[in-house]
Amino acid sequence: MCTMIARQVKINGSGKGANGWFSLHEADVSYDHPFNAPFEHALNIDFVNESQGPGARVAVELSVEAARTLVETIQAVLSRAEAGGFIEKSVTRD
């Protein structure tokens, strides 16, 4: 059964697809059936730049355990960077 659990968040970054690097403006996050991963449900993240069409997309499908480990690892790395004084103001790139 589909969960219909999905959210979109505005982001600022870059992704690399088949045609090289492109700017990212959104991430679509869902917990639902994956397209490729061998799970009934997965945390699915599509990093996209909708203005550049379907080729400007990087998709990941993670198990629940992998998603939680990734979140913890991201938090730990950012905390260490902040404690070391390495977090700087965001720079907007197009």
Protein backbone atom coordinates (compact mmCIF):
# COMPACT_ATOMS: atom_id res chain seq x y z
CA MET A 1 0.00 0.00 0.00
CA CYS A 2 1.27 3.47 -0.86
CA THR A 3 1.92 5.71 2.14
CA MET A 4 1.49 9.04 0.32
CA ILE A 5 4.04 10.52 2.79
CA ALA A 6 5.95 13.19 0.89
CA ARG A 7 7.36 16.68 1.37
CA GLN A 8 9.33 19.11 -0.75
CA VAL A 9 11.99 21.37 0.71
CA LYS A 10 13.86 24.26 -0.90
CA ILE A 11 17.61 23.70 -0.84
CA ASN A 12 20.76 25.32 -2.20
CA GLY A 13 23.52 23.12 -3.53
CA SER A 14 24.84 21.15 -6.49
CA GLY A 15 24.30 17.67 -7.82
CA LYS A 16 26.04 15.59 -10.45
CA GLY A 17 23.99 13.68 -12.98
CA ALA A 18 24.66 11.96 -16.29
CA ASN A 19 25.26 15.33 -17.97
CA GLY A 20 27.56 16.76 -15.29
CA TRP A 21 27.03 19.20 -12.44
CA PHE A 22 23.90 21.30 -12.02
CA SER A 23 22.49 23.56 -9.31
CA LEU A 24 19.92 22.12 -6.91
CA HIS A 25 16.91 24.06 -5.70
CA GLU A 26 14.56 21.43 -4.26
CA ALA A 27 14.60 18.06 -2.58
CA ASP A 28 11.56 15.79 -2.69
CA VAL A 29 11.54 13.46 0.32
CA SER A 30 9.11 10.57 0.67
CA TYR A 31 8.60 7.33 2.51
CA ASP A 32 6.97 5.05 0.00
CA HIS A 33 7.66 2.30 -2.53
CA PRO A 34 11.12 2.67 -4.10
CA PHE A 35 11.63 2.25 -7.84
CA ASN A 36 14.80 0.17 -7.59
CA ALA A 37 15.87 -0.62 -4.00
CA PRO A 38 14.82 -4.10 -2.81
CA PHE A 39 12.50 -2.88 -0.01
CA GLU A 40 8.73 -2.73 0.33
CA HIS A 41 9.13 0.90 1.46
CA ALA A 42 12.15 3.21 1.56
CA LEU A 43 13.13 6.76 2.33
CA ASN A 44 13.33 8.27 -1.14
CA ILE A 45 15.12 11.54 -1.83
CA ASP A 46 15.12 13.27 -5.20
CA PHE A 47 17.48 16.22 -5.40
CA VAL A 48 16.21 18.29 -8.33
CA ASN A 49 16.31 21.48 -10.32
CA GLU A 50 12.84 21.45 -11.88
CA SER A 51 13.65 24.40 -14.17
CA GLN A 52 16.27 22.24 -15.97
CA GLY A 53 13.94 19.30 -16.64
CA PRO A 54 14.11 15.61 -15.75
CA GLY A 55 17.85 15.30 -16.44
CA ALA A 56 18.64 17.59 -13.48
CA ARG A 57 17.85 14.98 -10.84
CA VAL A 58 19.80 12.84 -8.41
CA ALA A 59 17.73 10.15 -6.69
CA VAL A 60 18.52 7.94 -3.70
CA GLU A 61 16.46 5.20 -2.05
CA LEU A 62 17.52 4.22 1.47
CA SER A 63 16.52 1.61 4.00
CA VAL A 64 15.16 2.99 7.26
CA GLU A 65 18.39 2.04 9.04
CA ALA A 66 20.57 3.67 6.37
CA ALA A 67 18.45 6.84 6.41
CA ARG A 68 18.69 7.15 10.19
CA THR A 69 22.44 6.51 10.13
CA LEU A 70 22.85 9.14 7.41
CA VAL A 71 20.87 11.73 9.43
CA GLU A 72 22.98 11.02 12.55
CA THR A 73 26.19 11.25 10.54
CA ILE A 74 25.19 14.54 8.91
CA GLN A 75 24.33 15.99 12.33
CA ALA A 76 27.65 14.80 13.79
CA VAL A 77 29.70 16.25 10.94
CA LEU A 78 27.89 19.61 11.08
CA SER A 79 28.28 19.77 14.87
CA ARG A 80 32.00 19.14 14.58
CA ALA A 81 32.35 21.74 11.81
CA GLU A 82 30.40 24.28 13.87
CA ALA A 83 32.47 23.57 17.00
CA GLY A 84 35.63 24.07 14.93
CA GLY A 85 34.41 27.42 13.63
CA PHE A 86 34.16 26.19 10.03
CA ILE A 87 30.48 26.95 9.43
CA GLU A 88 30.25 30.05 7.28
CA LYS A 89 27.37 32.00 5.84
CA SER A 90 25.64 30.29 2.92
CA VAL A 91 26.53 31.50 -0.53
CA THR A 92 23.74 31.40 -3.10
CA ARG A 93 24.80 29.95 -6.47
CA ASP A 94 22.69 29.59 -9.59
